[in-house]
N, C-alpha and C. Protein backbone atom coordinates (compact mmCIF):
# COMPACT_ATOMS: atom_id res chain seq x y z
N UNK A 1 1.29 -196.02 -42.26
CA UNK A 1 0.22 -196.99 -42.13
C UNK A 1 0.81 -198.35 -41.73
N UNK A 2 0.16 -199.01 -40.81
CA UNK A 2 0.62 -200.32 -40.33
C UNK A 2 -0.20 -201.40 -41.00
N UNK A 3 0.48 -202.38 -41.55
CA UNK A 3 -0.19 -203.54 -42.15
C UNK A 3 -0.02 -204.73 -41.21
N UNK A 4 -1.08 -205.50 -41.04
CA UNK A 4 -1.07 -206.63 -40.12
C UNK A 4 -1.54 -207.87 -40.88
N UNK A 5 -0.74 -208.91 -40.86
CA UNK A 5 -1.06 -210.12 -41.61
C UNK A 5 -0.90 -211.35 -40.72
N UNK A 6 -1.99 -212.11 -40.60
CA UNK A 6 -1.97 -213.34 -39.79
C UNK A 6 -1.73 -214.56 -40.67
N UNK A 7 -1.26 -215.61 -40.05
CA UNK A 7 -1.11 -216.90 -40.73
C UNK A 7 -1.14 -218.01 -39.67
N UNK A 8 -1.34 -219.24 -40.14
CA UNK A 8 -1.24 -220.38 -39.24
C UNK A 8 -2.55 -221.03 -38.84
N UNK A 9 -3.66 -220.48 -39.27
CA UNK A 9 -4.93 -221.10 -38.93
C UNK A 9 -5.11 -222.43 -39.66
N UNK A 10 -6.19 -223.13 -39.30
CA UNK A 10 -6.46 -224.40 -39.95
C UNK A 10 -7.44 -225.24 -39.18
N UNK A 11 -7.49 -226.50 -39.56
CA UNK A 11 -8.40 -227.48 -38.94
C UNK A 11 -7.57 -228.42 -38.07
N UNK A 12 -8.03 -228.63 -36.85
CA UNK A 12 -7.33 -229.50 -35.92
C UNK A 12 -8.35 -230.24 -35.07
N UNK A 13 -7.98 -231.41 -34.61
CA UNK A 13 -8.87 -232.16 -33.73
C UNK A 13 -8.78 -231.63 -32.30
N UNK A 14 -9.83 -231.85 -31.56
CA UNK A 14 -9.84 -231.46 -30.15
C UNK A 14 -8.65 -232.10 -29.44
N UNK A 15 -8.01 -231.29 -28.60
CA UNK A 15 -6.82 -231.75 -27.90
C UNK A 15 -5.53 -231.44 -28.62
N UNK A 16 -5.64 -231.03 -29.86
CA UNK A 16 -4.46 -230.71 -30.66
C UNK A 16 -3.95 -229.31 -30.43
N UNK A 17 -2.96 -228.94 -31.24
CA UNK A 17 -2.31 -227.64 -31.10
C UNK A 17 -2.20 -226.93 -32.45
N UNK A 18 -2.16 -225.62 -32.39
CA UNK A 18 -1.90 -224.77 -33.54
C UNK A 18 -1.09 -223.58 -33.07
N UNK A 19 -0.30 -223.04 -33.99
CA UNK A 19 0.45 -221.83 -33.69
C UNK A 19 0.10 -220.78 -34.73
N UNK A 20 -0.44 -219.66 -34.26
CA UNK A 20 -0.75 -218.54 -35.14
C UNK A 20 0.41 -217.55 -35.12
N UNK A 21 0.64 -216.95 -36.27
CA UNK A 21 1.66 -215.92 -36.39
C UNK A 21 1.03 -214.65 -36.94
N UNK A 22 1.63 -213.53 -36.59
CA UNK A 22 1.14 -212.26 -37.08
C UNK A 22 2.33 -211.34 -37.28
N UNK A 23 2.47 -210.83 -38.49
CA UNK A 23 3.56 -209.91 -38.81
C UNK A 23 2.98 -208.53 -39.08
N UNK A 24 3.54 -207.56 -38.42
CA UNK A 24 3.12 -206.17 -38.62
C UNK A 24 4.24 -205.43 -39.35
N UNK A 25 3.87 -204.69 -40.38
CA UNK A 25 4.86 -203.91 -41.12
C UNK A 25 4.49 -202.43 -41.06
N UNK A 26 5.49 -201.60 -41.32
CA UNK A 26 5.27 -200.16 -41.19
C UNK A 26 5.91 -199.67 -39.91
N UNK A 27 5.75 -198.40 -39.65
CA UNK A 27 6.35 -197.81 -38.45
C UNK A 27 5.40 -198.00 -37.27
N UNK A 28 5.89 -198.68 -36.27
CA UNK A 28 5.10 -198.92 -35.06
C UNK A 28 5.81 -198.26 -33.90
N UNK A 29 5.16 -197.29 -33.31
CA UNK A 29 5.77 -196.53 -32.23
C UNK A 29 5.51 -197.20 -30.89
N UNK A 30 6.47 -197.00 -30.01
CA UNK A 30 6.29 -197.45 -28.63
C UNK A 30 5.75 -196.28 -27.81
N UNK A 31 4.97 -196.58 -26.78
CA UNK A 31 4.57 -197.91 -26.34
C UNK A 31 3.47 -198.50 -27.22
N UNK A 32 3.44 -199.82 -27.31
CA UNK A 32 2.42 -200.46 -28.12
C UNK A 32 2.06 -201.81 -27.51
N UNK A 33 1.06 -202.39 -28.05
CA UNK A 33 0.61 -203.70 -27.58
C UNK A 33 0.10 -204.46 -28.78
N UNK A 34 0.47 -205.73 -28.86
CA UNK A 34 -0.03 -206.60 -29.93
C UNK A 34 -0.90 -207.67 -29.29
N UNK A 35 -1.93 -208.07 -30.00
CA UNK A 35 -2.83 -209.02 -29.39
C UNK A 35 -3.62 -209.83 -30.39
N UNK A 36 -4.43 -210.72 -29.83
CA UNK A 36 -5.31 -211.59 -30.62
C UNK A 36 -6.73 -211.49 -30.09
N UNK A 37 -7.65 -211.32 -31.02
CA UNK A 37 -9.08 -211.39 -30.74
C UNK A 37 -9.62 -212.57 -31.53
N UNK A 38 -10.82 -212.99 -31.19
CA UNK A 38 -11.48 -214.02 -31.98
C UNK A 38 -12.97 -213.75 -32.02
N UNK A 39 -13.58 -214.26 -33.07
CA UNK A 39 -15.02 -214.13 -33.22
C UNK A 39 -15.58 -215.43 -33.77
N UNK A 40 -16.44 -216.05 -32.97
CA UNK A 40 -17.11 -217.27 -33.37
C UNK A 40 -18.44 -216.90 -34.03
N UNK A 41 -18.98 -217.78 -34.87
CA UNK A 41 -20.25 -217.49 -35.53
C UNK A 41 -21.35 -217.16 -34.53
N UNK A 42 -22.02 -216.05 -34.77
CA UNK A 42 -23.12 -215.65 -33.91
C UNK A 42 -22.72 -215.07 -32.57
N UNK A 43 -21.42 -214.87 -32.37
CA UNK A 43 -20.95 -214.33 -31.09
C UNK A 43 -20.19 -213.04 -31.31
N UNK A 44 -20.04 -212.30 -30.23
CA UNK A 44 -19.27 -211.05 -30.29
C UNK A 44 -17.78 -211.35 -30.33
N UNK A 45 -17.06 -210.42 -30.91
CA UNK A 45 -15.60 -210.54 -30.93
C UNK A 45 -15.09 -210.40 -29.50
N UNK A 46 -14.12 -211.24 -29.13
CA UNK A 46 -13.60 -211.20 -27.77
C UNK A 46 -12.07 -211.20 -27.78
N UNK A 47 -11.52 -210.59 -26.75
CA UNK A 47 -10.07 -210.58 -26.60
C UNK A 47 -9.59 -211.95 -26.14
N UNK A 48 -8.57 -212.45 -26.79
CA UNK A 48 -7.98 -213.73 -26.40
C UNK A 48 -6.74 -213.49 -25.53
N UNK A 49 -5.83 -212.67 -26.02
CA UNK A 49 -4.60 -212.40 -25.28
C UNK A 49 -3.93 -211.18 -25.89
N UNK A 50 -3.12 -210.49 -25.06
CA UNK A 50 -2.30 -209.42 -25.62
C UNK A 50 -0.98 -209.36 -24.88
N UNK A 51 -0.01 -208.72 -25.54
CA UNK A 51 1.34 -208.61 -24.99
C UNK A 51 1.88 -207.23 -25.33
N UNK A 52 2.41 -206.57 -24.33
CA UNK A 52 2.94 -205.23 -24.54
C UNK A 52 4.38 -205.28 -25.04
N UNK A 53 4.91 -204.10 -25.33
CA UNK A 53 6.30 -204.07 -25.80
C UNK A 53 7.30 -204.26 -24.67
N UNK A 54 6.79 -204.38 -23.44
CA UNK A 54 7.68 -204.73 -22.33
C UNK A 54 7.32 -206.12 -21.81
N UNK A 55 6.66 -206.91 -22.68
CA UNK A 55 6.39 -208.33 -22.41
C UNK A 55 5.32 -208.57 -21.35
N UNK A 56 4.56 -207.57 -21.01
CA UNK A 56 3.45 -207.79 -20.10
C UNK A 56 2.33 -208.47 -20.86
N UNK A 57 1.77 -209.55 -20.29
CA UNK A 57 0.76 -210.33 -21.00
C UNK A 57 -0.55 -210.38 -20.22
N UNK A 58 -1.61 -210.64 -20.96
CA UNK A 58 -2.92 -210.82 -20.35
C UNK A 58 -3.69 -211.82 -21.20
N UNK A 59 -4.49 -212.67 -20.53
CA UNK A 59 -5.23 -213.71 -21.22
C UNK A 59 -6.70 -213.71 -20.79
N UNK A 60 -7.54 -214.12 -21.71
CA UNK A 60 -8.93 -214.40 -21.35
C UNK A 60 -8.95 -215.63 -20.45
N UNK A 61 -9.87 -215.66 -19.51
CA UNK A 61 -9.96 -216.79 -18.58
C UNK A 61 -10.16 -218.11 -19.32
N UNK A 62 -10.87 -218.05 -20.42
CA UNK A 62 -11.20 -219.27 -21.16
C UNK A 62 -9.98 -219.93 -21.81
N UNK A 63 -8.88 -219.18 -21.96
CA UNK A 63 -7.71 -219.75 -22.63
C UNK A 63 -6.49 -219.81 -21.71
N UNK A 64 -6.61 -219.26 -20.54
CA UNK A 64 -5.45 -219.22 -19.63
C UNK A 64 -5.00 -220.64 -19.32
N UNK A 65 -3.70 -220.85 -19.41
CA UNK A 65 -3.14 -222.19 -19.16
C UNK A 65 -3.07 -223.06 -20.40
N UNK A 66 -3.75 -222.66 -21.46
CA UNK A 66 -3.72 -223.44 -22.70
C UNK A 66 -3.04 -222.67 -23.84
N UNK A 67 -3.21 -221.35 -23.86
CA UNK A 67 -2.64 -220.51 -24.91
C UNK A 67 -1.46 -219.71 -24.34
N UNK A 68 -0.48 -219.47 -25.21
CA UNK A 68 0.66 -218.64 -24.83
C UNK A 68 0.93 -217.62 -25.93
N UNK A 69 0.99 -216.36 -25.54
CA UNK A 69 1.30 -215.30 -26.50
C UNK A 69 2.76 -214.90 -26.31
N UNK A 70 3.43 -214.62 -27.42
CA UNK A 70 4.82 -214.18 -27.37
C UNK A 70 5.07 -213.26 -28.56
N UNK A 71 6.20 -212.56 -28.52
CA UNK A 71 6.50 -211.67 -29.65
C UNK A 71 8.00 -211.56 -29.88
N UNK A 72 8.32 -211.25 -31.12
CA UNK A 72 9.69 -210.94 -31.52
C UNK A 72 9.71 -209.47 -31.92
N UNK A 73 10.34 -208.66 -31.09
CA UNK A 73 10.31 -207.22 -31.32
C UNK A 73 11.00 -206.82 -32.61
N UNK A 74 12.12 -207.44 -32.90
CA UNK A 74 12.89 -207.07 -34.09
C UNK A 74 12.10 -207.31 -35.37
N UNK A 75 11.18 -208.27 -35.32
CA UNK A 75 10.40 -208.61 -36.52
C UNK A 75 8.98 -208.07 -36.44
N UNK A 76 8.64 -207.36 -35.37
CA UNK A 76 7.25 -206.90 -35.17
C UNK A 76 6.27 -208.05 -35.39
N UNK A 77 6.59 -209.17 -34.80
CA UNK A 77 5.79 -210.37 -34.98
C UNK A 77 5.28 -210.87 -33.63
N UNK A 78 4.05 -211.32 -33.63
CA UNK A 78 3.47 -211.89 -32.42
C UNK A 78 2.95 -213.29 -32.75
N UNK A 79 3.05 -214.17 -31.78
CA UNK A 79 2.63 -215.55 -31.95
C UNK A 79 1.57 -215.91 -30.90
N UNK A 80 0.74 -216.87 -31.25
CA UNK A 80 -0.21 -217.42 -30.30
C UNK A 80 -0.11 -218.94 -30.39
N UNK A 81 0.50 -219.54 -29.39
CA UNK A 81 0.59 -220.98 -29.31
C UNK A 81 -0.66 -221.49 -28.61
N UNK A 82 -1.41 -222.32 -29.30
CA UNK A 82 -2.68 -222.79 -28.77
C UNK A 82 -2.59 -224.30 -28.56
N UNK A 83 -2.68 -224.72 -27.32
CA UNK A 83 -2.63 -226.14 -26.97
C UNK A 83 -3.96 -226.59 -26.37
N UNK A 84 -4.14 -227.89 -26.31
CA UNK A 84 -5.37 -228.46 -25.73
C UNK A 84 -6.61 -227.79 -26.31
N UNK A 85 -6.64 -227.67 -27.60
CA UNK A 85 -7.74 -226.96 -28.25
C UNK A 85 -9.07 -227.67 -28.05
N UNK A 86 -10.10 -226.86 -27.95
CA UNK A 86 -11.47 -227.35 -27.74
C UNK A 86 -12.35 -226.88 -28.89
N UNK A 87 -13.44 -227.58 -29.15
CA UNK A 87 -14.36 -227.13 -30.22
C UNK A 87 -14.82 -225.69 -30.02
N UNK A 88 -14.95 -225.27 -28.78
CA UNK A 88 -15.39 -223.89 -28.52
C UNK A 88 -14.32 -222.85 -28.83
N UNK A 89 -13.12 -223.28 -29.19
CA UNK A 89 -12.09 -222.35 -29.64
C UNK A 89 -12.24 -222.03 -31.13
N UNK A 90 -13.16 -222.71 -31.79
CA UNK A 90 -13.39 -222.45 -33.20
C UNK A 90 -13.86 -221.01 -33.41
N UNK A 91 -13.14 -220.31 -34.27
CA UNK A 91 -13.44 -218.89 -34.51
C UNK A 91 -12.49 -218.36 -35.58
N UNK A 92 -12.78 -217.15 -36.02
CA UNK A 92 -11.81 -216.40 -36.81
C UNK A 92 -10.96 -215.61 -35.82
N UNK A 93 -9.66 -215.76 -35.94
CA UNK A 93 -8.72 -215.11 -35.03
C UNK A 93 -8.10 -213.90 -35.73
N UNK A 94 -8.17 -212.76 -35.05
CA UNK A 94 -7.65 -211.51 -35.60
C UNK A 94 -6.48 -211.01 -34.76
N UNK A 95 -5.47 -210.54 -35.46
CA UNK A 95 -4.32 -209.93 -34.80
C UNK A 95 -4.52 -208.42 -34.77
N UNK A 96 -4.05 -207.80 -33.71
CA UNK A 96 -4.16 -206.34 -33.59
C UNK A 96 -2.84 -205.73 -33.14
N UNK A 97 -2.68 -204.48 -33.54
CA UNK A 97 -1.56 -203.66 -33.07
C UNK A 97 -2.15 -202.36 -32.56
N UNK A 98 -1.86 -202.06 -31.31
CA UNK A 98 -2.34 -200.83 -30.69
C UNK A 98 -1.16 -199.94 -30.36
N UNK A 99 -1.19 -198.73 -30.91
CA UNK A 99 -0.18 -197.72 -30.59
C UNK A 99 -0.79 -196.76 -29.57
N UNK A 100 -0.17 -196.69 -28.41
CA UNK A 100 -0.74 -195.89 -27.33
C UNK A 100 -0.59 -194.38 -27.55
N UNK A 101 0.40 -193.98 -28.33
CA UNK A 101 0.64 -192.54 -28.42
C UNK A 101 -0.51 -191.81 -29.11
N UNK A 102 -1.22 -192.51 -30.02
CA UNK A 102 -2.37 -191.89 -30.68
C UNK A 102 -3.60 -192.81 -30.68
N UNK A 103 -3.51 -193.87 -29.89
CA UNK A 103 -4.60 -194.86 -29.80
C UNK A 103 -5.00 -195.43 -31.16
N UNK A 104 -4.05 -195.54 -32.06
CA UNK A 104 -4.34 -196.18 -33.35
C UNK A 104 -4.40 -197.69 -33.15
N UNK A 105 -5.45 -198.30 -33.66
CA UNK A 105 -5.64 -199.75 -33.54
C UNK A 105 -5.73 -200.33 -34.94
N UNK A 106 -4.83 -201.23 -35.26
CA UNK A 106 -4.79 -201.85 -36.57
C UNK A 106 -5.17 -203.33 -36.46
N UNK A 107 -5.95 -203.78 -37.45
CA UNK A 107 -6.44 -205.15 -37.46
C UNK A 107 -5.92 -205.90 -38.68
N UNK A 108 -5.71 -207.19 -38.50
CA UNK A 108 -5.44 -208.06 -39.62
C UNK A 108 -6.75 -208.52 -40.24
N UNK A 109 -6.63 -209.32 -41.29
CA UNK A 109 -7.82 -209.77 -42.00
C UNK A 109 -8.46 -211.00 -41.36
N UNK A 110 -7.74 -211.63 -40.45
CA UNK A 110 -8.28 -212.79 -39.74
C UNK A 110 -7.84 -214.11 -40.33
N UNK A 111 -7.76 -215.10 -39.48
CA UNK A 111 -7.43 -216.45 -39.92
C UNK A 111 -8.35 -217.44 -39.21
N UNK A 112 -8.89 -218.38 -39.96
CA UNK A 112 -9.88 -219.31 -39.42
C UNK A 112 -9.20 -220.44 -38.64
N UNK A 113 -9.71 -220.70 -37.46
CA UNK A 113 -9.30 -221.86 -36.66
C UNK A 113 -10.54 -222.70 -36.41
N UNK A 114 -10.48 -223.95 -36.81
CA UNK A 114 -11.60 -224.86 -36.63
C UNK A 114 -11.12 -226.07 -35.84
N UNK A 115 -11.80 -226.34 -34.73
CA UNK A 115 -11.45 -227.48 -33.88
C UNK A 115 -12.60 -228.48 -33.94
N UNK A 116 -12.31 -229.66 -34.43
CA UNK A 116 -13.34 -230.68 -34.55
C UNK A 116 -13.36 -231.57 -33.31
N UNK A 117 -14.54 -232.05 -32.98
CA UNK A 117 -14.70 -232.89 -31.78
C UNK A 117 -14.50 -234.36 -32.09
């Protein structure tokens, strides 16, 4: 079983920065992909960014150029550096781990990010 734990959320003013971290424990088989989703109040959960185990990345258009996803393979950890934050980035951010060999998708409990105007 894979456990996923996020940290780093908080309250920040518009234009500020936050860095989210996510540590996955347990046996994670390759190929895999780690990523971040978010869900704002009253809205559907959406993909923010993901990164594969060969460092291939993808971003939502709304965050491209402002957010950067990275990972440390030895620690099974993924980061989301969020710059130039906007009030519309306010949401609960969830970390995920996807194992392609059996399509197992693991979720963290989420971390709140609030951007004030």
